[in-house]
Protein backbone atom coordinates (compact mmCIF):
# COMPACT_ATOMS: atom_id res chain seq x y z
CA UNK A 1 85.64 87.60 81.25
CA UNK A 2 82.50 89.59 82.09
CA UNK A 3 82.94 93.30 82.82
CA UNK A 4 80.95 94.74 85.71
CA UNK A 5 80.56 98.50 86.16
CA UNK A 6 79.76 99.55 89.72
CA UNK A 7 78.18 103.00 89.90
CA UNK A 8 79.22 104.42 93.29
CA UNK A 9 79.55 107.72 95.14
CA UNK A 10 77.32 109.90 97.26
CA UNK A 11 77.00 110.48 101.01
CA UNK A 12 79.32 108.75 103.43
CA UNK A 13 76.44 107.02 105.22
CA UNK A 14 76.26 104.71 102.19
CA UNK A 15 79.88 103.51 101.79
CA UNK A 16 79.14 102.03 98.39
CA UNK A 17 82.69 102.19 97.02
CA UNK A 18 83.88 100.02 99.92
CA UNK A 19 80.88 97.73 99.42
CA UNK A 20 81.69 97.40 95.72
CA UNK A 21 85.27 96.47 96.60
CA UNK A 22 83.91 93.82 98.96
CA UNK A 23 81.60 92.43 96.28
CA UNK A 24 84.50 92.31 93.82
CA UNK A 25 86.42 90.26 96.38
CA UNK A 26 83.48 87.93 96.83
CA UNK A 27 83.26 87.40 93.06
CA UNK A 28 86.95 86.64 92.61
CA UNK A 29 89.27 86.87 89.64
CA UNK A 30 86.76 85.65 87.06
CA UNK A 31 85.22 89.11 86.64
CA UNK A 32 86.56 92.49 85.54
CA UNK A 33 85.08 94.82 88.18
CA UNK A 34 85.27 98.53 87.41
CA UNK A 35 84.24 100.95 90.17
CA UNK A 36 83.32 104.44 88.97
CA UNK A 37 81.91 107.45 90.82
CA UNK A 38 78.81 109.12 89.44
CA UNK A 39 78.85 110.22 85.82
CA UNK A 40 82.08 108.36 85.08
CA UNK A 41 80.21 105.04 85.24
CA UNK A 42 78.10 105.94 82.22
CA UNK A 43 81.19 106.48 80.10
CA UNK A 44 82.09 102.80 80.61
CA UNK A 45 78.87 101.30 79.25
CA UNK A 46 80.21 100.31 75.83
CA UNK A 47 82.30 97.54 77.38
CA UNK A 48 79.89 96.76 80.24
CA UNK A 49 78.21 93.36 80.64
CA UNK A 50 76.49 94.16 83.96
CA UNK A 51 75.66 97.59 85.41
CA UNK A 52 75.42 97.70 89.21
CA UNK A 53 73.60 100.82 90.45
CA UNK A 54 74.85 101.55 93.98
CA UNK A 55 75.74 105.25 94.12
CA UNK A 56 73.33 107.83 95.53
CA UNK A 57 73.43 111.06 93.50
CA UNK A 58 70.35 113.29 93.68
CA UNK A 59 69.31 116.91 93.63
CA UNK A 60 69.16 117.21 97.42
CA UNK A 61 72.66 115.96 98.18
CA UNK A 62 73.83 119.50 98.98
CA UNK A 63 71.89 119.37 102.27
CA UNK A 64 73.84 119.50 105.55
CA UNK A 65 72.69 116.00 106.56
CA UNK A 66 73.94 114.58 103.24
CA UNK A 67 77.37 116.18 103.51
CA UNK A 68 76.90 119.34 101.40
CA UNK A 69 77.85 117.46 98.24
CA UNK A 70 77.65 118.87 94.72
CA UNK A 71 75.13 117.20 92.43
CA UNK A 72 76.17 116.49 88.84
CA UNK A 73 73.17 115.57 86.63
CA UNK A 74 73.38 113.10 83.81
CA UNK A 75 74.13 114.76 80.50
CA UNK A 76 72.10 113.92 77.37
CA UNK A 77 74.84 111.64 75.99
CA UNK A 78 74.96 109.71 79.28
CA UNK A 79 71.19 109.43 79.38
CA UNK A 80 71.21 108.09 75.83
CA UNK A 81 74.01 105.66 76.68
CA UNK A 82 72.08 104.20 79.61
CA UNK A 83 68.86 103.95 77.58
CA UNK A 84 70.80 102.09 74.87
CA UNK A 85 72.46 99.84 77.45
CA UNK A 86 69.12 98.67 78.87
CA UNK A 87 67.56 98.34 75.40
CA UNK A 88 70.43 96.06 74.39
CA UNK A 89 69.17 93.42 76.82
CA UNK A 90 72.17 93.65 79.12
CA UNK A 91 71.32 93.24 82.83
CA UNK A 92 71.08 95.61 85.77
CA UNK A 93 71.46 95.09 89.50
CA UNK A 94 70.07 97.94 91.60
CA UNK A 95 71.25 98.09 95.21
CA UNK A 96 69.73 99.82 98.26
CA UNK A 97 69.89 103.62 97.81
CA UNK A 98 71.04 103.47 94.21
CA UNK A 99 67.39 103.59 93.14
CA UNK A 100 67.09 107.19 94.42
CA UNK A 101 69.65 108.66 92.04
CA UNK A 102 69.09 111.23 89.29
CA UNK A 103 65.64 112.27 90.48
CA UNK A 104 65.68 115.13 87.96
CA UNK A 105 65.66 112.46 85.21
CA UNK A 106 62.87 110.03 86.21
CA UNK A 107 63.72 107.82 83.25
CA UNK A 108 66.74 106.56 85.20
CA UNK A 109 64.57 104.82 87.78
CA UNK A 110 62.21 103.60 85.09
CA UNK A 111 65.10 101.94 83.28
CA UNK A 112 66.41 100.37 86.47
CA UNK A 113 62.90 99.05 87.06
CA UNK A 114 62.86 100.22 90.67
CA UNK A 115 62.67 103.80 91.96
CA UNK A 116 62.79 105.57 95.29
CA UNK A 117 59.97 108.13 95.02
CA UNK A 118 60.69 111.04 97.36
CA UNK A 119 57.77 111.53 99.73
CA UNK A 120 56.41 108.00 99.14
CA UNK A 121 59.26 105.50 99.43
CA UNK A 122 60.76 105.30 102.91
CA UNK A 123 62.66 103.01 105.26
CA UNK A 124 62.59 101.62 108.76
CA UNK A 125 65.04 102.79 111.44
CA UNK A 126 68.50 101.25 111.37
CA UNK A 127 68.35 98.07 113.42
CA UNK A 128 68.56 94.29 113.41
CA UNK A 129 66.08 92.54 111.15
CA UNK A 130 65.41 89.05 109.86
CA UNK A 131 65.10 88.49 106.14
CA UNK A 132 62.91 85.55 105.18
CA UNK A 133 63.64 83.61 102.00
CA UNK A 134 60.47 82.67 100.17
CA UNK A 135 59.96 78.98 99.29
CA UNK A 136 60.89 79.40 95.64
CA UNK A 137 63.37 77.56 93.46
CA UNK A 138 65.34 80.52 92.13
CA UNK A 139 69.10 80.70 91.47
CA UNK A 140 69.56 83.92 93.44
CA UNK A 141 68.45 82.33 96.72
CA UNK A 142 69.95 78.88 96.08
CA UNK A 143 71.77 77.80 99.22
CA UNK A 144 70.51 80.82 101.18
CA UNK A 145 68.49 80.49 104.41
CA UNK A 146 66.74 83.17 106.44
CA UNK A 147 69.29 85.62 107.80
CA UNK A 148 69.60 88.53 110.21
CA UNK A 149 71.47 91.74 109.60
CA UNK A 150 71.79 95.35 110.72
CA UNK A 151 70.11 97.47 108.10
CA UNK A 152 67.37 99.86 107.07
CA UNK A 153 64.42 98.23 105.32
CA UNK A 154 63.41 100.13 102.19
CA UNK A 155 59.76 99.88 101.21
CA UNK A 156 57.10 101.46 99.00
CA UNK A 157 59.59 101.26 96.17
CA UNK A 158 58.02 102.13 92.81
CA UNK A 159 58.19 99.32 90.23
CA UNK A 160 58.16 100.47 86.60
CA UNK A 161 54.73 99.76 85.07
CA UNK A 162 54.89 96.78 82.75
CA UNK A 163 57.84 95.15 84.51
CA UNK A 164 56.99 91.62 85.59
CA UNK A 165 58.59 90.94 88.98
CA UNK A 166 59.02 88.13 91.48
CA UNK A 167 59.79 88.69 95.15
CA UNK A 168 62.35 86.22 96.50
CA UNK A 169 62.83 87.49 100.07
CA UNK A 170 60.99 89.74 102.52
CA UNK A 171 61.43 91.31 105.95
CA UNK A 172 58.64 92.20 108.38
CA UNK A 173 58.12 95.86 109.27
CA UNK A 174 54.97 97.41 110.71
CA UNK A 175 52.95 94.27 110.09
CA UNK A 176 53.84 93.90 106.41
CA UNK A 177 56.30 91.74 104.52
CA UNK A 178 58.61 94.22 102.75
CA UNK A 179 60.35 92.97 99.58
CA UNK A 180 64.13 92.67 100.00
CA UNK A 181 65.11 90.73 96.86
CA UNK A 182 63.12 91.33 93.68
CA UNK A 183 63.81 90.13 90.14
CA UNK A 184 62.28 91.40 86.93
CA UNK A 185 62.45 90.74 83.23
CA UNK A 186 61.76 92.96 80.23
CA UNK A 187 59.43 95.97 80.43
CA UNK A 188 60.99 99.46 80.65
CA UNK A 189 62.05 99.68 77.01
CA UNK A 190 61.89 97.33 74.02
CA UNK A 191 64.68 94.77 74.24
CA UNK A 192 65.26 95.08 77.99
CA UNK A 193 66.60 92.03 79.80
CA UNK A 194 66.98 91.12 83.46
CA UNK A 195 66.90 93.57 86.33
CA UNK A 196 67.27 92.83 90.06
CA UNK A 197 66.79 94.87 93.22
CA UNK A 198 68.81 93.93 96.29
CA UNK A 199 67.44 96.17 99.03
CA UNK A 200 69.80 95.14 101.83
CA UNK A 201 73.01 97.04 102.40
CA UNK A 202 72.89 100.41 104.19
CA UNK A 203 76.52 100.14 105.27
CA UNK A 204 79.28 97.64 105.94
CA UNK A 205 77.48 96.29 109.00
CA UNK A 206 74.82 94.90 106.68
CA UNK A 207 77.52 93.36 104.51
CA UNK A 208 78.83 91.51 107.56
CA UNK A 209 75.88 89.12 107.25
CA UNK A 210 77.33 85.93 105.71
CA UNK A 211 74.27 85.46 103.49
CA UNK A 212 75.05 88.64 101.54
CA UNK A 213 78.15 87.06 100.01
CA UNK A 214 76.20 84.11 98.59
CA UNK A 215 73.35 86.35 97.43
CA UNK A 216 75.68 88.65 95.50
CA UNK A 217 77.56 85.74 93.95
CA UNK A 218 74.27 84.15 92.90
CA UNK A 219 72.79 87.45 91.71
CA UNK A 220 75.71 88.30 89.45
CA UNK A 221 75.76 84.82 87.96
CA UNK A 222 72.00 84.90 87.37
CA UNK A 223 72.06 88.40 85.89
CA UNK A 224 74.72 87.39 83.39
CA UNK A 225 73.76 83.81 82.68
CA UNK A 226 70.29 83.17 84.07
CA UNK A 227 71.53 80.35 86.30
């Protein structure tokens, strides 16, 4: 049975612990899903088959608008554990705001493959959008048609140099097709395996879109097995 570690926590506007519970339900009993807040997730990497980066922990989380939360930076042993995890070839799924975490250690985003760069990366207002599936034969979008959802559209996300990526779905905002599902392979560090970015999912309203269930089921299977 594959073990998934969901990294959660952060401001209430991203209810990632509840989203992780929903994903675990979508996946069913065939997976061991462990949900851990912040630093605790990195202490579970020895037994982890798939790391899911959902939590939003960053140096500015003590602001009023973020809930006056205390930031706890990654310690050297946790940094080393995550570097070793990625170098082992084991996969990563990065979700929505999870790419903005640990901004005082830029290597975190580099290892995910996708980074929110403060002052450059941004998002559209919360609203209803249509996500368009590209005409590609890829396991993550198998059985998935264009869908609408209530969300913020993240864009201008930094991709780690050297990471080869493929965009599987986009959404239109300000005249441009913004990537919503991106897959990558290798890069980042010698030995790295698959990494995916699923941009959709600001809150539980986004997860109400039926397509999200199939996408997450497909994405986990692909990350672990490639099919």
